[in-house]
C-alpha atoms as a PDB file:
ATOM      1  CA  ARG A   1      13.092  -0.976 -16.125  1.00  0.00           C
ATOM      2  CA  LEU A   2      12.719  -3.744 -14.171  1.00  0.00           C
ATOM      3  CA  SER A   3      13.900  -3.053 -10.900  1.00  0.00           C
ATOM      4  CA  SER A   4      15.195  -0.232  -9.394  1.00  0.00           C
ATOM      5  CA  VAL A   5      16.197   1.147  -6.181  1.00  0.00           C
ATOM      6  CA  THR A   6      14.220   3.481  -3.786  1.00  0.00           C
ATOM      7  CA  ASP A   7      15.870   4.900  -0.575  1.00  0.00           C
ATOM      8  CA  VAL A   8      13.282   6.405   1.574  1.00  0.00           C
ATOM      9  CA  ARG A   9      13.483   7.914   5.082  1.00  0.00           C
ATOM     10  CA  LEU A  10      10.861   8.462   7.388  1.00  0.00           C
ATOM     11  CA  LYS A  11      11.399  11.013   9.913  1.00  0.00           C
ATOM     12  CA  ASP A  12      12.112   9.851  13.310  1.00  0.00           C
ATOM     13  CA  GLY A  13       9.419  10.632  16.146  1.00  0.00           C
ATOM     14  CA  ASP A  14       9.549  13.239  19.046  1.00  0.00           C
ATOM     15  CA  ARG A  15      11.599  11.763  21.635  1.00  0.00           C
ATOM     16  CA  GLN A  16      10.439  14.335  24.435  1.00  0.00           C
ATOM     17  CA  ARG A  17       6.643  14.698  23.870  1.00  0.00           C
ATOM     18  CA  TRP A  18       3.707  13.339  22.388  1.00  0.00           C
ATOM     19  CA  ARG A  19       2.039  15.052  19.641  1.00  0.00           C
ATOM     20  CA  GLY A  20      -1.080  14.053  16.510  1.00  0.00           C
ATOM     21  CA  GLY A  21      -3.450  15.482  15.354  1.00  0.00           C
ATOM     22  CA  ALA A  22      -6.307  13.977  12.203  1.00  0.00           C
ATOM     23  CA  SER A  23      -8.140  15.497   9.897  1.00  0.00           C
ATOM     24  CA  VAL A  24     -10.998  15.214   7.415  1.00  0.00           C
ATOM     25  CA  GLY A  25     -11.225  16.827   3.767  1.00  0.00           C
ATOM     26  CA  LEU A  26     -13.347  16.354   0.386  1.00  0.00           C
ATOM     27  CA  LEU A  27     -11.013  13.856  -0.857  1.00  0.00           C
ATOM     28  CA  ALA A  28      -9.414  11.966   2.112  1.00  0.00           C
ATOM     29  CA  ALA A  29      -9.113  11.506   6.172  1.00  0.00           C
ATOM     30  CA  ARG A  30      -5.926  11.363   7.593  1.00  0.00           C
ATOM     31  CA  VAL A  31      -4.348  10.193  11.517  1.00  0.00           C
ATOM     32  CA  HIS A  32      -0.710  11.171  12.705  1.00  0.00           C
ATOM     33  CA  ALA A  33       0.476  10.201  15.712  1.00  0.00           C
ATOM     34  CA  GLU A  34       4.201  10.161  17.481  1.00  0.00           C
ATOM     35  CA  GLY A  35       5.743  10.943  20.554  1.00  0.00           C
ATOM     36  CA  PRO A  36       8.555   8.980  23.515  1.00  0.00           C
ATOM     37  CA  VAL A  37       8.294   5.060  23.798  1.00  0.00           C
ATOM     38  CA  GLU A  38      11.782   5.708  26.148  1.00  0.00           C
ATOM     39  CA  ARG A  39      12.061   9.490  26.561  1.00  0.00           C
ATOM     40  CA  GLY A  40      15.034  10.926  25.163  1.00  0.00           C
ATOM     41  CA  ARG A  41      16.005   7.622  23.533  1.00  0.00           C
ATOM     42  CA  SER A  42      13.625   5.736  21.465  1.00  0.00           C
ATOM     43  CA  SER A  43      10.265   7.122  19.571  1.00  0.00           C
ATOM     44  CA  PHE A  44       7.764   6.087  17.388  1.00  0.00           C
ATOM     45  CA  ASN A  45       6.145   7.692  14.443  1.00  0.00           C
ATOM     46  CA  ALA A  46       2.990   6.502  12.810  1.00  0.00           C
ATOM     47  CA  ALA A  47      -0.208   8.197  10.162  1.00  0.00           C
ATOM     48  CA  ALA A  48      -2.905   6.474   8.189  1.00  0.00           C
ATOM     49  CA  ARG A  49      -4.682   7.890   5.644  1.00  0.00           C
ATOM     50  CA  ARG A  50      -7.894   7.100   3.538  1.00  0.00           C
ATOM     51  CA  SER A  51      -9.479   8.097   0.675  1.00  0.00           C
ATOM     52  CA  LEU A  52     -13.455   9.332   0.799  1.00  0.00           C
ATOM     53  CA  LEU A  53     -13.725   9.088  -3.125  1.00  0.00           C
ATOM     54  CA  ASP A  54     -16.295   6.498  -2.928  1.00  0.00           C
ATOM     55  CA  ALA A  55     -18.268   8.168   0.069  1.00  0.00           C
ATOM     56  CA  ALA A  56     -17.835  12.011  -1.995  1.00  0.00           C
ATOM     57  CA  LEU A  57     -18.464  11.807  -5.324  1.00  0.00           C
ATOM     58  CA  PHE A  58     -19.112   8.570  -6.606  1.00  0.00           C
ATOM     59  CA  PRO A  59     -22.945   8.754  -4.981  1.00  0.00           C
ATOM     60  CA  ILE A  60     -23.064  11.650  -7.263  1.00  0.00           C
ATOM     61  CA  TYR A  61     -21.792   9.301 -10.929  1.00  0.00           C
ATOM     62  CA  ASN A  62     -24.487   6.875  -8.949  1.00  0.00           C
ATOM     63  CA  ALA A  63     -27.377   8.697  -8.835  1.00  0.00           C
ATOM     64  CA  LEU A  64     -26.830  10.652 -12.569  1.00  0.00           C
ATOM     65  CA  SER A  65     -26.343   7.366 -13.940  1.00  0.00           C
ATOM     66  CA  LYS A  66     -29.547   5.642 -13.056  1.00  0.00           C
ATOM     67  CA  SER A  67     -32.724   4.865 -14.720  1.00  0.00           C
ATOM     68  CA  ASP A  68     -35.233   2.511 -15.438  1.00  0.00           C
ATOM     69  CA  GLU A  69     -33.558   0.439 -18.284  1.00  0.00           C
ATOM     70  CA  GLU A  70     -29.975   0.740 -16.964  1.00  0.00           C
ATOM     71  CA  GLU A  71     -28.431   1.568 -13.488  1.00  0.00           C
ATOM     72  CA  THR A  72     -24.304   1.807 -13.161  1.00  0.00           C
ATOM     73  CA  ARG A  73     -22.367   2.154  -9.640  1.00  0.00           C
ATOM     74  CA  ALA A  74     -19.033   2.436  -9.583  1.00  0.00           C
ATOM     75  CA  GLY A  75     -16.432   3.619  -6.379  1.00  0.00           C
ATOM     76  CA  TYR A  76     -12.946   3.367  -5.505  1.00  0.00           C
ATOM     77  CA  HIS A  77     -10.820   3.830  -2.624  1.00  0.00           C
ATOM     78  CA  PHE A  78      -7.175   3.818  -1.115  1.00  0.00           C
ATOM     79  CA  THR A  79      -5.532   3.008   2.212  1.00  0.00           C
ATOM     80  CA  ASP A  80      -2.380   3.300   3.516  1.00  0.00           C
ATOM     81  CA  ALA A  81      -0.198   3.209   7.028  1.00  0.00           C
ATOM     82  CA  VAL A  82       2.920   3.959   7.879  1.00  0.00           C
ATOM     83  CA  ALA A  83       5.163   3.549  11.479  1.00  0.00           C
ATOM     84  CA  LYS A  84       8.558   4.007  12.718  1.00  0.00           C
ATOM     85  CA  PHE A  85       9.892   3.252  16.154  1.00  0.00           C
ATOM     86  CA  SER A  86      13.714   4.314  16.491  1.00  0.00           C
ATOM     87  CA  ARG A  87      16.294   4.199  19.589  1.00  0.00           C
ATOM     88  CA  ARG A  88      19.427   5.703  19.682  1.00  0.00           C
ATOM     89  CA  MET A  89      21.681   2.790  21.873  1.00  0.00           C
ATOM     90  CA  GLU A  90      23.953   3.336  24.975  1.00  0.00           C
ATOM     91  CA  ASP A  91      27.364   3.198  21.941  1.00  0.00           C
ATOM     92  CA  GLU A  92      25.865   5.571  20.229  1.00  0.00           C
ATOM     93  CA  SER A  93      24.297   2.910  17.395  1.00  0.00           C
ATOM     94  CA  THR A  94      20.998   3.880  15.964  1.00  0.00           C
ATOM     95  CA  LEU A  95      18.311   1.264  15.503  1.00  0.00           C
ATOM     96  CA  SER A  96      15.175   1.673  13.392  1.00  0.00           C
ATOM     97  CA  ALA A  97      12.204  -0.300  12.158  1.00  0.00           C
ATOM     98  CA  VAL A  98       9.844   0.554   9.603  1.00  0.00           C
ATOM     99  CA  PHE A  99       6.563  -0.549   8.286  1.00  0.00           C
ATOM    100  CA  PHE A 100       4.073   0.263   4.972  1.00  0.00           C
ATOM    101  CA  TRP A 101       1.108  -0.756   4.068  1.00  0.00           C
ATOM    102  CA  GLY A 102      -0.830   0.520   1.313  1.00  0.00           C
ATOM    103  CA  ASP A 103      -4.434  -0.919  -0.608  1.00  0.00           C
ATOM    104  CA  ASP A 104      -6.293   0.454  -3.118  1.00  0.00           C
ATOM    105  CA  VAL A 105     -10.155  -1.038  -4.151  1.00  0.00           C
ATOM    106  CA  LEU A 106     -11.870  -0.472  -7.333  1.00  0.00           C
ATOM    107  CA  ARG A 107     -15.485  -1.950  -8.153  1.00  0.00           C
ATOM    108  CA  PHE A 108     -18.128  -1.439 -10.768  1.00  0.00           C
ATOM    109  CA  ARG A 109     -21.540  -2.386 -10.989  1.00  0.00           C
ATOM    110  CA  LYS A 110     -23.532  -2.079 -14.349  1.00  0.00           C
ATOM    111  CA  ARG A 111     -27.555  -3.757 -14.523  1.00  0.00           C
ATOM    112  CA  GLU A 112     -29.543  -3.787 -17.852  1.00  0.00           C
ATOM    113  CA  GLY A 113     -33.176  -3.979 -18.289  1.00  0.00           C
ATOM    114  CA  GLU A 114     -36.178  -4.563 -16.051  1.00  0.00           C
ATOM    115  CA  TYR A 115     -36.092  -5.584 -12.358  1.00  0.00           C
ATOM    116  CA  ASP A 116     -40.142  -5.355 -12.326  1.00  0.00           C
ATOM    117  CA  GLY A 117     -42.157  -6.686 -15.491  1.00  0.00           C
ATOM    118  CA  GLY A 118     -41.668  -7.412 -19.061  1.00  0.00           C
ATOM    119  CA  TYR A 119     -39.854 -10.062 -20.637  1.00  0.00           C
ATOM    120  CA  GLY A 120     -36.596  -8.687 -21.735  1.00  0.00           C
ATOM    121  CA  ASP A 121     -33.420  -9.862 -20.558  1.00  0.00           C
ATOM    122  CA  VAL A 122     -31.899  -8.437 -17.557  1.00  0.00           C
ATOM    123  CA  LYS A 123     -27.512  -8.483 -17.251  1.00  0.00           C
ATOM    124  CA  ARG A 124     -25.606  -7.765 -14.495  1.00  0.00           C
ATOM    125  CA  GLU A 125     -21.923  -7.315 -14.379  1.00  0.00           C
ATOM    126  CA  TRP A 126     -19.383  -6.907 -11.361  1.00  0.00           C
ATOM    127  CA  LEU A 127     -15.933  -6.309 -11.791  1.00  0.00           C
ATOM    128  CA  ASP A 128     -13.514  -5.759  -8.522  1.00  0.00           C
ATOM    129  CA  GLY A 129      -9.731  -4.881  -8.620  1.00  0.00           C
ATOM    130  CA  ARG A 130      -7.366  -4.927  -6.027  1.00  0.00           C
ATOM    131  CA  TRP A 131      -3.838  -4.318  -5.229  1.00  0.00           C
ATOM    132  CA  GLY A 132      -1.550  -3.016  -2.618  1.00  0.00           C
ATOM    133  CA  ASN A 133       2.011  -3.219  -1.391  1.00  0.00           C
ATOM    134  CA  LEU A 134       3.236  -4.097   2.076  1.00  0.00           C
ATOM    135  CA  ALA A 135       6.984  -3.511   3.096  1.00  0.00           C
ATOM    136  CA  ALA A 136       8.852  -4.113   6.186  1.00  0.00           C
ATOM    137  CA  ALA A 137      12.983  -2.445   6.697  1.00  0.00           C
ATOM    138  CA  LEU A 138      15.000  -2.765   9.464  1.00  0.00           C
ATOM    139  CA  ARG A 139      18.411  -0.558  10.143  1.00  0.00           C
ATOM    140  CA  TRP A 140      21.378  -0.304  12.503  1.00  0.00           C
ATOM    141  CA  GLU A 141      23.775   2.592  12.309  1.00  0.00           C
ATOM    142  CA  LYS A 142      26.702   1.881  13.862  1.00  0.00           C
ATOM    143  CA  PRO A 143      29.861   3.538  14.372  1.00  0.00           C
ATOM    144  CA  LEU A 144      33.150   0.866  14.118  1.00  0.00           C
ATOM    145  CA  GLY A 145      35.752   3.557  15.507  1.00  0.00           C
ATOM    146  CA  THR A 146      36.536   7.407  14.862  1.00  0.00           C
ATOM    147  CA  ARG A 147      36.873   7.084  11.778  1.00  0.00           C
ATOM    148  CA  TRP A 148      34.791   3.800  10.413  1.00  0.00           C
ATOM    149  CA  HIS A 149      30.625   3.874   9.889  1.00  0.00           C
ATOM    150  CA  GLY A 150      28.861   0.897   9.470  1.00  0.00           C
ATOM    151  CA  THR A 151      25.142   0.357   8.319  1.00  0.00           C
ATOM    152  CA  PHE A 152      23.076  -3.045   8.175  1.00  0.00           C
ATOM    153  CA  PHE A 153      19.671  -3.230   6.513  1.00  0.00           C
ATOM    154  CA  ALA A 154      17.177  -5.864   5.659  1.00  0.00           C
ATOM    155  CA  ALA A 155      13.930  -5.135   4.369  1.00  0.00           C
ATOM    156  CA  TYR A 156      10.883  -7.473   2.913  1.00  0.00           C
ATOM    157  CA  HIS A 157       8.699  -6.029  -0.129  1.00  0.00           C
ATOM    158  CA  ARG A 158       5.519  -7.131  -1.321  1.00  0.00           C
ATOM    159  CA  TYR A 159       3.098  -6.642  -4.585  1.00  0.00           C
ATOM    160  CA  ARG A 160      -0.116  -8.052  -5.315  1.00  0.00           C
ATOM    161  CA  VAL A 161      -2.327  -7.174  -7.690  1.00  0.00           C
ATOM    162  CA  SER A 162      -5.595  -9.096  -8.692  1.00  0.00           C
ATOM    163  CA  ALA A 163      -9.226  -8.652 -10.588  1.00  0.00           C
ATOM    164  CA  SER A 164     -12.483 -10.133 -10.910  1.00  0.00           C
ATOM    165  CA  ARG A 165     -14.405 -10.070 -13.401  1.00  0.00           C
ATOM    166  CA  LYS A 166     -18.531 -11.942 -13.493  1.00  0.00           C
ATOM    167  CA  GLN A 167     -21.726 -11.728 -16.079  1.00  0.00           C
ATOM    168  CA  VAL A 168     -25.298 -13.005 -15.258  1.00  0.00           C
ATOM    169  CA  LEU A 169     -27.344 -12.911 -17.918  1.00  0.00           C
ATOM    170  CA  PHE A 170     -31.236 -13.809 -17.075  1.00  0.00           C
ATOM    171  CA  ARG A 171     -33.585 -14.945 -20.618  1.00  0.00           C
ATOM    172  CA  ARG A 172     -37.255 -13.905 -18.894  1.00  0.00           C
ATOM    173  CA  GLN A 173     -38.937 -15.919 -21.484  1.00  0.00           C
ATOM    174  CA  ALA A 174     -36.742 -19.096 -21.587  1.00  0.00           C
ATOM    175  CA  GLY A 175     -36.270 -18.946 -18.044  1.00  0.00           C
ATOM    176  CA  GLU A 176     -32.413 -19.831 -18.613  1.00  0.00           C
ATOM    177  CA  GLU A 177     -29.894 -17.821 -16.893  1.00  0.00           C
ATOM    178  CA  ASP A 178     -25.915 -18.228 -17.849  1.00  0.00           C
ATOM    179  CA  ARG A 179     -23.048 -17.420 -15.632  1.00  0.00           C
ATOM    180  CA  TRP A 180     -19.424 -16.359 -16.696  1.00  0.00           C
ATOM    181  CA  ARG A 181     -16.771 -15.212 -14.542  1.00  0.00           C
ATOM    182  CA  LEU A 182     -12.585 -14.466 -15.086  1.00  0.00           C
ATOM    183  CA  ASP A 183     -10.121 -13.836 -11.950  1.00  0.00           C
ATOM    184  CA  PHE A 184      -6.591 -12.628 -12.374  1.00  0.00           C
ATOM    185  CA  GLY A 185      -3.766 -12.287  -9.994  1.00  0.00           C
ATOM    186  CA  SER A 186      -0.498 -11.385 -10.042  1.00  0.00           C
ATOM    187  CA  GLY A 187       2.436 -10.091  -8.096  1.00  0.00           C
ATOM    188  CA  GLN A 188       5.940 -10.505  -6.538  1.00  0.00           C
ATOM    189  CA  ARG A 189       7.825 -10.236  -3.291  1.00  0.00           C
ATOM    190  CA  GLU A 190      11.338  -9.501  -2.335  1.00  0.00           C
ATOM    191  CA  TRP A 191      14.163  -9.300   0.613  1.00  0.00           C
ATOM    192  CA  THR A 192      16.912  -7.335   0.597  1.00  0.00           C
ATOM    193  CA  PHE A 193      19.926  -7.772   2.568  1.00  0.00           C
ATOM    194  CA  ARG A 194      22.575  -4.755   2.317  1.00  0.00           C
ATOM    195  CA  ALA A 195      25.922  -3.517   4.609  1.00  0.00           C
ATOM    196  CA  ASP A 196      27.742  -0.198   3.981  1.00  0.00           C
ATOM    197  CA  PHE A 197      30.813   1.149   5.649  1.00  0.00           C
ATOM    198  CA  ASP A 198      31.945   4.546   5.504  1.00  0.00           C
ATOM    199  CA  TRP A 199      36.026   5.029   5.991  1.00  0.00           C
ATOM    200  CA  VAL A 200      36.317   9.030   6.329  1.00  0.00           C
ATOM    201  CA  ALA A 201      40.150   9.184   5.723  1.00  0.00           C
ATOM    202  CA  GLY A 202      40.804  13.010   5.849  1.00  0.00           C
ATOM    203  CA  ARG A 203      38.598  16.336   5.327  1.00  0.00           C
ATOM    204  CA  TRP A 204      38.652  15.627   1.384  1.00  0.00           C
ATOM    205  CA  ASN A 205      38.686  11.915   1.452  1.00  0.00           C
ATOM    206  CA  ARG A 206      36.198   9.146   1.761  1.00  0.00           C
ATOM    207  CA  LEU A 207      35.639   5.950   0.856  1.00  0.00           C
ATOM    208  CA  ARG A 208      32.722   4.350   0.515  1.00  0.00           C
ATOM    209  CA  ALA A 209      32.153   0.075   0.049  1.00  0.00           C
ATOM    210  CA  GLY A 210      29.287  -2.303   0.655  1.00  0.00           C
ATOM    211  CA  ALA A 211      27.924  -5.042  -0.644  1.00  0.00           C
ATOM    212  CA  ALA A 212      24.132  -6.509  -1.009  1.00  0.00           C
ATOM    213  CA  PHE A 213      22.071  -9.354  -1.498  1.00  0.00           C
ATOM    214  CA  VAL A 214      17.850  -9.103  -3.037  1.00  0.00           C
ATOM    215  CA  ASP A 215      16.013 -12.745  -3.549  1.00  0.00           C
ATOM    216  CA  HIS A 216      13.037 -11.453  -5.877  1.00  0.00           C
ATOM    217  CA  HIS A 217      10.453 -13.462  -6.852  1.00  0.00           C
ATOM    218  CA  ILE A 218       7.635 -12.920  -9.562  1.00  0.00           C
ATOM    219  CA  VAL A 219       4.045 -14.696  -9.384  1.00  0.00           C
ATOM    220  CA  PRO A 220       3.327 -15.574 -13.029  1.00  0.00           C
ATOM    221  CA  GLU A 221       0.184 -14.366 -13.906  1.00  0.00           C
ATOM    222  CA  THR A 222      -2.865 -16.983 -13.250  1.00  0.00           C
ATOM    223  CA  ARG A 223      -6.234 -16.729 -14.432  1.00  0.00           C
ATOM    224  CA  SER A 224      -9.491 -18.747 -14.097  1.00  0.00           C
END
């Protein structure tokens, strides 16, 4: 499937009082806060987390894989954050803004050969990968009468992925050094505008209509 539609609603923050919390576990650390911007009318809700795999588990793997002839180091972590602002207007309409950011990072390092003494070759490899999302949305829900209700929505979404691999081979006897590197990148970005209208004709009848415009750009694969 080349595309899809996702409708995810983040709950509004508490309009009466501030609250929050934080936690640290074996796999991730989290922080959350919510509260009123204008008591009873507008609120803010935000959360963020960061995985701790690279700090908790990968050091054990790195220590077990280390030897005189070979050393391997690996690490992975992700970070994401989400926030929402919502406000109830005087005309009973509701305005809300949502922001999301996510980032994943993968790193791998490998060394073959002895650093101290000997005349053998020494080879080092680096592999770095990164991918993530950025999204922002604005929603306005407004009653247009006793039977009509309108929802107006605008959103932006961006996805990026990049990878880099580098290798260095040092030939001690010849005193030569060979270098090799490959970079890769790709991604996509999208603008969405939508208007939906609901008309309640009676207890058992409802009419829904709307229009949408999507501007979708795919960034081709690039190598260097």
